[in-house]
Amino acid sequence: MTEHPVALLRTHDEAVATAHRVAEALRPGVIERDRDGATVVPLEALVGLDSSGLLGITIPVEHGGPGLGPRTLADVTRILASVDPSIAQVPQGHFLVVDILAVWGGPDLRARVFADVLAGRRIGTALAERGGRHAQDLATRLRTDGDGAIRLDGRKYYCTGALTAAWVAVSALDEEGRLRLALVPRDAAGLTVDTDWNVMGQRATISGTTTLEAVAVTPELVLDYAGAYAVPQQLGARAQLVHGAIETGIAGGTLHDTRAYLRERARPSSEATRAGAESVAGDPHVLHRYGRLAARVRAAEALLADAARVLEQVGLVPADAAAAATGSLAVAAAKAFASEVAVEAGSELFALCGTSATDERWDLHRHWRNARTHSVHDPVDWKYHHLGAYEIGDVLPPNHGQL
């Protein structure tokens, strides 16, 4: 999307510093982007992201990137999400596809796409669908037409980042019923992306419908996606790490705004003043609830950091199923806990700050809406289930893209 020069961020510290700069640039417009929803595409914010160099942080060194790992990916995502979790979520699928190509892509495919990524051209995804038994019950098909050309037909939803991407990664079943992943240029004939994303939170992701009508596909741009999950893998864990970082970032951003409101605007309740409090800083219940929430946010951040550390040790290609399980379960714990804390923080904000905080001018309810919307991306109960099954019965977690 960007035509600006893009720096190569070579170290963790460079990437984190850049993430802080991008986040601060996002701060002034976050309320407006939330209110605009899908009616206004956040082009300026996305140009800032795409031109920052952050899109290329996980590209392997042998392909021209810095080869930064899960620690950097988690910190960058958390920092962005603490200010605008919608913009932070836009490259979630991008980083997944970079990982897929790093493991499964051919030399020509990697060279072509990774060069684009390092130039600030983002990958969007079209992986989920509506209308079936579940989001991965796919009706999209990859077929060969009469003249031998490969084409895509289907209709996707939850297509985060696809609207403004340079590439769109599309999951589909081929004529033998095997799962494939096809990369197609965003401007390919027959590919349209709609702004029909109308939800209560994560509005600026504009994760609407992608329609594919006889879209031509280059054979070299088709991957065996089923094969990626037929062996021990960390693709799912690394994708879930980004989701966990988004939730952790929402929790941290909510705590930041809660503290600011308490310090700058909130008044003590009449009960507190009768008990002698002259400000909210003298209300013991406010201090207790804020302190408890702050501790839980720190715990979420610690779990995220631990999950990233485990993934660094396991590597993108784990040695075996046991190693893969270690990474998946560490991320599952971080993602499940952060999802709960983020939703809790969005509600506690109002319990702490009082009725005046519900004034629409502050748009503080966006924190709860964003957390609640993002947290149901996949059920946290299943993550706790898999953790329990492993700890109690030595049952390895399933090998799929959400673990």
Protein backbone atom coordinates (compact mmCIF):
# COMPACT_ATOMS: atom_id res chain seq x y z
CA MET A 1 0.00 0.00 0.00
CA THR A 2 2.85 2.35 0.82
CA GLU A 3 5.08 4.13 -1.67
CA HIS A 4 7.32 5.61 1.05
CA PRO A 5 10.88 4.35 1.67
CA VAL A 6 10.78 1.56 4.21
CA ALA A 7 13.54 1.02 6.76
CA LEU A 8 14.80 -2.43 7.66
CA LEU A 9 14.41 -2.79 11.44
CA ARG A 10 17.32 -5.04 12.33
CA THR A 11 17.00 -5.41 16.11
CA HIS A 12 14.35 -5.95 18.75
CA ASP A 13 15.02 -2.51 20.22
CA GLU A 14 14.65 -0.81 16.83
CA ALA A 15 11.33 -2.57 16.23
CA VAL A 16 9.99 -1.71 19.68
CA ALA A 17 11.02 1.94 19.36
CA THR A 18 9.32 2.10 15.96
CA ALA A 19 6.17 0.51 17.39
CA HIS A 20 6.05 3.19 20.08
CA ARG A 21 6.38 5.92 17.43
CA VAL A 22 3.64 4.41 15.29
CA ALA A 23 1.39 3.97 18.35
CA GLU A 24 1.79 7.60 19.37
CA ALA A 25 0.98 8.69 15.82
CA LEU A 26 -2.19 6.58 16.02
CA ARG A 27 -3.33 8.05 19.35
CA PRO A 28 -4.88 11.36 18.17
CA GLY A 29 -7.23 9.68 15.70
CA VAL A 30 -8.24 6.53 17.59
CA ILE A 31 -11.66 7.79 18.73
CA GLU A 32 -12.51 9.08 15.26
CA ARG A 33 -11.52 5.78 13.65
CA ASP A 34 -13.64 3.89 16.15
CA ARG A 35 -16.65 6.10 15.47
CA ASP A 36 -16.22 5.99 11.70
CA GLY A 37 -16.26 2.19 11.73
CA ALA A 38 -16.18 0.70 8.26
CA THR A 39 -17.62 3.83 6.65
CA VAL A 40 -14.18 5.44 6.38
CA VAL A 41 -11.14 3.34 5.51
CA PRO A 42 -8.27 4.34 7.88
CA LEU A 43 -5.83 4.92 5.03
CA GLU A 44 -3.56 7.39 6.82
CA ALA A 45 -3.12 5.08 9.80
CA LEU A 46 -2.39 2.11 7.56
CA VAL A 47 0.13 4.04 5.47
CA GLY A 48 1.94 4.83 8.71
CA LEU A 49 1.96 1.16 9.64
CA ASP A 50 2.97 -0.11 6.21
CA SER A 51 5.80 2.40 5.80
CA SER A 52 7.22 1.83 9.29
CA GLY A 53 9.22 -1.32 8.54
CA LEU A 54 7.23 -3.34 11.08
CA LEU A 55 5.70 -5.56 8.38
CA GLY A 56 9.08 -7.15 7.69
CA ILE A 57 10.31 -7.91 11.20
CA THR A 58 9.77 -11.69 11.00
CA ILE A 59 11.17 -12.27 7.51
CA PRO A 60 14.16 -14.65 7.84
CA VAL A 61 17.67 -13.29 7.47
CA GLU A 62 18.36 -15.54 4.49
CA HIS A 63 15.53 -13.81 2.64
CA GLY A 64 16.67 -10.27 3.37
CA GLY A 65 14.81 -9.68 6.62
CA PRO A 66 16.02 -9.25 10.20
CA GLY A 67 14.66 -12.63 11.35
CA LEU A 68 13.20 -11.23 14.56
CA GLY A 69 11.16 -13.71 16.55
CA PRO A 70 8.09 -14.10 18.75
CA ARG A 71 9.38 -11.78 21.48
CA THR A 72 9.56 -8.88 19.04
CA LEU A 73 6.29 -9.80 17.36
CA ALA A 74 4.45 -9.92 20.70
CA ASP A 75 5.91 -6.65 21.99
CA VAL A 76 5.24 -4.75 18.75
CA THR A 77 1.65 -5.98 18.58
CA ARG A 78 0.98 -5.25 22.25
CA ILE A 79 2.34 -1.71 21.95
CA LEU A 80 0.19 -0.94 18.90
CA ALA A 81 -2.89 -2.55 20.44
CA SER A 82 -2.55 -0.52 23.62
CA VAL A 83 -3.47 2.52 21.52
CA ASP A 84 -5.50 1.16 18.59
CA PRO A 85 -6.19 -2.59 18.62
CA SER A 86 -7.98 -2.40 15.27
CA ILE A 87 -4.87 -1.21 13.47
CA ALA A 88 -2.80 -3.70 15.47
CA GLN A 89 -4.99 -6.53 14.20
CA VAL A 90 -4.75 -5.60 10.52
CA PRO A 91 -1.35 -7.35 10.03
CA GLN A 92 -2.21 -10.39 12.16
CA GLY A 93 -2.86 -12.53 9.08
CA HIS A 94 0.08 -10.91 7.33
CA PHE A 95 2.51 -12.30 9.92
CA LEU A 96 0.86 -15.73 9.70
CA VAL A 97 1.36 -15.85 5.94
CA VAL A 98 4.99 -14.71 6.28
CA ASP A 99 5.52 -17.67 8.63
CA ILE A 100 3.78 -20.06 6.25
CA LEU A 101 5.94 -18.92 3.35
CA ALA A 102 9.11 -19.15 5.45
CA VAL A 103 8.40 -22.84 6.07
CA TRP A 104 6.41 -23.97 3.04
CA GLY A 105 7.02 -21.47 0.26
CA GLY A 106 9.22 -22.23 -2.73
CA PRO A 107 12.31 -20.07 -3.45
CA ASP A 108 10.66 -18.03 -6.20
CA LEU A 109 7.49 -17.46 -4.20
CA ARG A 110 9.41 -16.37 -1.11
CA ALA A 111 11.66 -14.06 -3.11
CA ARG A 112 8.71 -12.39 -4.82
CA VAL A 113 6.46 -11.90 -1.81
CA PHE A 114 9.14 -11.17 0.78
CA ALA A 115 10.58 -8.43 -1.43
CA ASP A 116 7.13 -6.85 -1.53
CA VAL A 117 6.75 -7.12 2.24
CA LEU A 118 10.12 -5.48 2.87
CA ALA A 119 8.97 -2.66 0.60
CA GLY A 120 5.93 -2.11 2.83
CA ARG A 121 3.35 -4.09 0.87
CA ARG A 122 1.06 -5.93 3.24
CA ILE A 123 -0.59 -9.35 2.92
CA GLY A 124 -4.28 -9.66 3.80
CA THR A 125 -6.12 -12.90 4.44
CA ALA A 126 -9.39 -14.47 3.34
CA LEU A 127 -9.52 -17.66 5.39
CA ALA A 128 -12.92 -17.86 7.09
CA GLU A 129 -16.45 -18.16 5.75
CA ARG A 130 -20.06 -17.80 6.78
CA GLY A 131 -22.90 -20.18 6.10
CA GLY A 132 -21.26 -23.52 6.87
CA ARG A 133 -21.15 -25.54 10.06
CA HIS A 134 -18.25 -23.41 11.28
CA ALA A 135 -15.90 -20.73 9.95
CA GLN A 136 -13.52 -23.28 8.40
CA ASP A 137 -16.23 -25.28 6.63
CA LEU A 138 -15.12 -24.01 3.24
CA ALA A 139 -17.19 -23.59 0.11
CA THR A 140 -14.44 -21.69 -1.76
CA ARG A 141 -12.97 -23.81 -4.53
CA LEU A 142 -9.75 -23.90 -6.51
CA ARG A 143 -10.46 -25.36 -9.94
CA THR A 144 -8.91 -25.85 -13.35
CA ASP A 145 -11.01 -24.49 -16.19
CA GLY A 146 -11.24 -25.74 -19.78
CA ASP A 147 -8.09 -24.00 -21.00
CA GLY A 148 -6.02 -25.28 -18.08
CA ALA A 149 -6.00 -22.07 -16.05
CA ILE A 150 -6.36 -22.33 -12.26
CA ARG A 151 -9.17 -20.22 -10.83
CA LEU A 152 -10.70 -19.36 -7.47
CA ASP A 153 -14.40 -19.08 -6.78
CA GLY A 154 -15.94 -18.31 -3.40
CA ARG A 155 -17.05 -15.84 -0.78
CA LYS A 156 -15.07 -15.10 2.37
CA TYR A 157 -15.75 -13.10 5.53
CA TYR A 158 -13.64 -11.80 8.46
CA CYS A 159 -11.08 -10.75 5.86
CA THR A 160 -8.95 -8.51 8.07
CA GLY A 161 -6.51 -6.39 6.10
CA ALA A 162 -7.62 -7.62 2.68
CA LEU A 163 -9.24 -4.34 1.62
CA THR A 164 -5.97 -2.37 1.66
CA ALA A 165 -3.44 -5.14 1.07
CA ALA A 166 -1.11 -5.79 -1.85
CA TRP A 167 -1.68 -9.56 -1.64
CA VAL A 168 -4.60 -11.65 -0.39
CA ALA A 169 -4.01 -15.18 0.89
CA VAL A 170 -7.11 -17.29 0.21
CA SER A 171 -7.87 -20.73 1.64
CA ALA A 172 -9.78 -23.09 -0.63
CA LEU A 173 -10.37 -26.75 -1.38
CA ASP A 174 -8.99 -28.08 -4.63
CA GLU A 175 -10.73 -30.54 -6.94
CA GLU A 176 -9.57 -33.46 -4.77
CA GLY A 177 -10.92 -31.78 -1.63
CA ARG A 178 -7.47 -30.93 -0.24
CA LEU A 179 -6.93 -27.64 1.59
CA ARG A 180 -4.80 -25.15 -0.32
CA LEU A 181 -3.64 -21.58 0.21
CA ALA A 182 -3.46 -19.35 -2.85
CA LEU A 183 -1.84 -15.92 -2.95
CA VAL A 184 -3.45 -13.50 -5.37
CA PRO A 185 -2.77 -9.83 -6.02
CA ARG A 186 -5.34 -7.56 -4.40
CA ASP A 187 -6.07 -5.97 -7.78
CA ALA A 188 -6.67 -9.31 -9.52
CA ALA A 189 -9.65 -9.37 -11.87
CA GLY A 190 -12.69 -10.92 -10.18
CA LEU A 191 -11.54 -10.18 -6.61
CA THR A 192 -13.60 -7.63 -4.69
CA VAL A 193 -13.52 -6.65 -1.02
CA ASP A 194 -16.53 -4.99 0.55
CA THR A 195 -16.80 -2.58 3.48
CA ASP A 196 -19.71 -4.50 5.02
CA TRP A 197 -18.02 -4.85 8.41
CA ASN A 198 -20.67 -3.62 10.86
CA VAL A 199 -19.82 -4.70 14.39
CA MET A 200 -19.65 -3.18 17.86
CA GLY A 201 -15.85 -3.36 18.28
CA GLN A 202 -12.61 -3.63 16.32
CA ARG A 203 -14.40 -1.48 13.77
CA ALA A 204 -11.41 -0.06 11.91
CA THR A 205 -10.18 -3.54 10.92
CA ILE A 206 -12.88 -3.48 8.20
CA SER A 207 -12.89 -7.27 8.13
CA GLY A 208 -15.70 -7.61 5.61
CA THR A 209 -16.53 -9.84 2.65
CA THR A 210 -14.14 -10.89 -0.09
CA THR A 211 -15.76 -12.26 -3.24
CA LEU A 212 -13.81 -14.31 -5.76
CA GLU A 213 -15.28 -14.90 -9.21
CA ALA A 214 -13.08 -16.96 -11.52
CA VAL A 215 -9.95 -15.27 -10.15
CA ALA A 216 -6.89 -16.45 -12.06
CA VAL A 217 -4.18 -17.99 -9.87
CA THR A 218 -0.54 -18.55 -10.76
CA PRO A 219 0.32 -22.22 -10.00
CA GLU A 220 3.54 -21.23 -8.21
CA LEU A 221 1.47 -19.14 -5.79
CA VAL A 222 -0.53 -22.12 -4.48
CA LEU A 223 0.60 -23.92 -1.31
CA ASP A 224 -0.39 -27.22 0.26
CA TYR A 225 -2.04 -25.68 3.32
CA ALA A 226 -3.25 -29.03 4.66
CA GLY A 227 0.33 -30.23 4.81
CA ALA A 228 1.29 -27.35 7.07
CA TYR A 229 -0.93 -28.78 9.82
CA ALA A 230 -0.20 -32.44 9.16
CA VAL A 231 3.17 -32.18 10.94
CA PRO A 232 4.21 -30.61 14.26
CA GLN A 233 3.99 -26.86 13.73
CA GLN A 234 3.98 -23.49 15.47
CA LEU A 235 2.06 -21.56 12.82
CA GLY A 236 -1.08 -21.67 14.92
CA ALA A 237 0.76 -20.78 18.13
CA ARG A 238 2.49 -17.79 16.56
CA ALA A 239 -0.80 -16.57 15.08
CA GLN A 240 -2.44 -16.96 18.48
CA LEU A 241 0.47 -15.12 20.09
CA VAL A 242 -0.50 -12.07 18.05
CA HIS A 243 -4.11 -12.41 19.19
CA GLY A 244 -2.93 -12.72 22.78
CA ALA A 245 -0.79 -9.62 22.34
CA ILE A 246 -3.79 -7.70 21.02
CA GLU A 247 -5.83 -8.62 24.10
CA THR A 248 -2.92 -7.79 26.41
CA GLY A 249 -2.50 -4.48 24.64
CA ILE A 250 -6.20 -3.68 25.03
CA ALA A 251 -5.92 -4.44 28.75
CA GLY A 252 -2.88 -2.21 29.13
CA GLY A 253 -4.43 0.61 27.11
CA THR A 254 -7.61 0.42 29.19
CA LEU A 255 -5.59 0.60 32.41
CA HIS A 256 -3.72 3.62 31.01
CA ASP A 257 -6.95 5.47 30.25
CA THR A 258 -8.49 4.46 33.59
CA ARG A 259 -5.53 5.89 35.47
CA ALA A 260 -5.60 9.09 33.41
CA TYR A 261 -9.31 9.60 34.04
CA LEU A 262 -8.97 8.95 37.76
CA ARG A 263 -6.10 11.42 38.06
CA GLU A 264 -7.49 14.14 35.81
CA ARG A 265 -11.30 14.03 35.85
CA ALA A 266 -12.91 11.69 38.36
CA ARG A 267 -14.49 12.94 41.59
CA PRO A 268 -14.86 10.89 44.77
CA SER A 269 -18.28 9.41 45.44
CA SER A 270 -20.48 10.94 48.12
CA GLU A 271 -19.90 7.81 50.22
CA ALA A 272 -16.15 8.35 49.99
CA THR A 273 -16.37 12.02 50.92
CA ARG A 274 -18.49 11.18 53.96
CA ALA A 275 -15.74 8.78 54.95
CA GLY A 276 -13.21 11.61 54.69
CA ALA A 277 -11.84 11.24 51.15
CA GLU A 278 -11.02 14.53 49.44
CA SER A 279 -10.26 12.90 46.06
CA VAL A 280 -10.50 9.50 44.41
CA ALA A 281 -6.96 8.91 45.69
CA GLY A 282 -8.47 8.77 49.16
CA ASP A 283 -11.17 6.24 48.32
CA PRO A 284 -9.94 2.86 49.61
CA HIS A 285 -12.30 0.93 47.32
CA VAL A 286 -11.01 2.72 44.21
CA LEU A 287 -7.43 2.05 45.26
CA HIS A 288 -8.17 -1.62 45.95
CA ARG A 289 -9.99 -2.24 42.67
CA TYR A 290 -7.44 -0.31 40.61
CA GLY A 291 -4.56 -2.11 42.30
CA ARG A 292 -6.16 -5.48 41.69
CA LEU A 293 -6.76 -4.66 38.04
CA ALA A 294 -3.20 -3.36 37.59
CA ALA A 295 -1.84 -6.61 39.03
CA ARG A 296 -3.94 -8.68 36.63
CA VAL A 297 -2.81 -6.62 33.64
CA ARG A 298 0.80 -7.17 34.71
CA ALA A 299 0.10 -10.88 35.00
CA ALA A 300 -1.29 -10.91 31.45
CA GLU A 301 1.84 -9.13 30.22
CA ALA A 302 4.03 -11.64 32.05
CA LEU A 303 2.16 -14.61 30.55
CA LEU A 304 2.51 -13.09 27.08
CA ALA A 305 6.24 -12.60 27.58
CA ASP A 306 6.57 -16.17 28.84
CA ALA A 307 4.68 -17.53 25.83
CA ALA A 308 6.95 -15.58 23.47
CA ARG A 309 10.02 -16.94 25.30
CA VAL A 310 8.77 -20.51 24.89
CA LEU A 311 8.13 -19.99 21.18
CA GLU A 312 11.64 -18.58 20.78
CA GLN A 313 12.98 -21.82 22.27
CA VAL A 314 10.74 -24.13 20.25
CA GLY A 315 11.40 -22.36 16.94
CA LEU A 316 9.19 -21.98 13.91
CA VAL A 317 9.75 -25.64 12.99
CA PRO A 318 9.47 -27.66 16.24
CA ALA A 319 11.52 -30.79 16.75
CA ASP A 320 8.51 -32.98 17.47
CA ALA A 321 4.89 -33.01 18.65
CA ALA A 322 5.88 -32.59 22.29
CA ALA A 323 7.84 -29.44 21.54
CA ALA A 324 4.98 -28.08 19.46
CA ALA A 325 2.58 -28.76 22.32
CA THR A 326 4.79 -26.83 24.73
CA GLY A 327 4.59 -23.74 22.55
CA SER A 328 0.88 -24.08 21.81
CA LEU A 329 -0.07 -24.48 25.46
CA ALA A 330 2.06 -21.56 26.62
CA VAL A 331 0.31 -19.33 24.11
CA ALA A 332 -3.10 -20.79 24.99
CA ALA A 333 -2.63 -19.76 28.63
CA ALA A 334 -1.55 -16.25 27.67
CA LYS A 335 -4.35 -15.75 25.15
CA ALA A 336 -7.11 -17.10 27.40
CA PHE A 337 -6.07 -15.08 30.44
CA ALA A 338 -5.49 -11.87 28.49
CA SER A 339 -8.93 -12.16 26.87
CA GLU A 340 -10.56 -12.32 30.28
CA VAL A 341 -8.50 -9.47 31.74
CA ALA A 342 -9.13 -7.19 28.76
CA VAL A 343 -12.90 -7.61 29.03
CA GLU A 344 -12.70 -7.16 32.80
CA ALA A 345 -10.64 -3.98 32.44
CA GLY A 346 -13.15 -2.48 30.03
CA SER A 347 -15.91 -2.99 32.58
CA GLU A 348 -13.90 -2.03 35.67
CA LEU A 349 -13.02 1.29 34.06
CA PHE A 350 -16.58 2.49 34.63
CA ALA A 351 -16.86 1.02 38.11
CA LEU A 352 -13.75 2.99 39.03
CA CYS A 353 -14.36 6.23 37.13
CA GLY A 354 -18.09 6.64 37.66
CA THR A 355 -21.01 7.84 35.57
CA SER A 356 -19.19 10.80 34.04
CA ALA A 357 -16.86 8.38 32.26
CA THR A 358 -19.80 7.10 30.21
CA ASP A 359 -20.04 10.46 28.41
CA GLU A 360 -19.80 9.75 24.69
CA ARG A 361 -17.19 12.44 24.17
CA TRP A 362 -14.57 10.21 25.80
CA ASP A 363 -15.55 7.05 23.85
CA LEU A 364 -14.16 4.97 26.70
CA HIS A 365 -16.57 2.13 26.02
CA ARG A 366 -14.50 1.33 22.94
CA HIS A 367 -12.11 -0.56 25.22
CA TRP A 368 -14.78 -3.02 26.35
CA ARG A 369 -16.28 -3.28 22.84
CA ASN A 370 -12.89 -3.99 21.29
CA ALA A 371 -11.97 -6.55 23.95
CA ARG A 372 -15.30 -8.32 23.82
CA THR A 373 -15.35 -8.43 20.02
CA HIS A 374 -11.79 -9.67 19.68
CA SER A 375 -11.96 -12.10 22.61
CA VAL A 376 -14.57 -14.26 20.89
CA HIS A 377 -12.27 -14.85 17.91
CA ASP A 378 -12.02 -18.39 19.30
CA PRO A 379 -13.37 -19.74 22.61
CA VAL A 380 -11.05 -19.38 25.59
CA ASP A 381 -12.80 -22.32 27.29
CA TRP A 382 -11.24 -24.68 24.77
CA LYS A 383 -7.81 -23.30 25.56
CA TYR A 384 -8.30 -24.00 29.26
CA HIS A 385 -9.66 -27.43 28.31
CA HIS A 386 -6.52 -28.31 26.36
CA LEU A 387 -4.31 -27.03 29.18
CA GLY A 388 -6.18 -29.22 31.67
CA ALA A 389 -6.15 -32.25 29.38
CA TYR A 390 -2.39 -31.99 29.03
CA GLU A 391 -1.62 -31.37 32.69
CA ILE A 392 -3.92 -34.09 34.01
CA GLY A 393 -4.02 -36.70 31.24
CA ASP A 394 -0.88 -36.02 29.11
CA VAL A 395 -3.13 -35.36 26.12
CA LEU A 396 -1.38 -33.33 23.44
CA PRO A 397 -3.41 -30.38 22.14
CA PRO A 398 -4.89 -30.65 18.64
CA ASN A 399 -2.66 -29.62 15.77
CA HIS A 400 -4.51 -26.78 14.07
CA GLY A 401 -4.35 -23.07 13.36
CA GLN A 402 -5.94 -21.89 16.60
CA LEU A 403 -3.35 -23.52 18.89
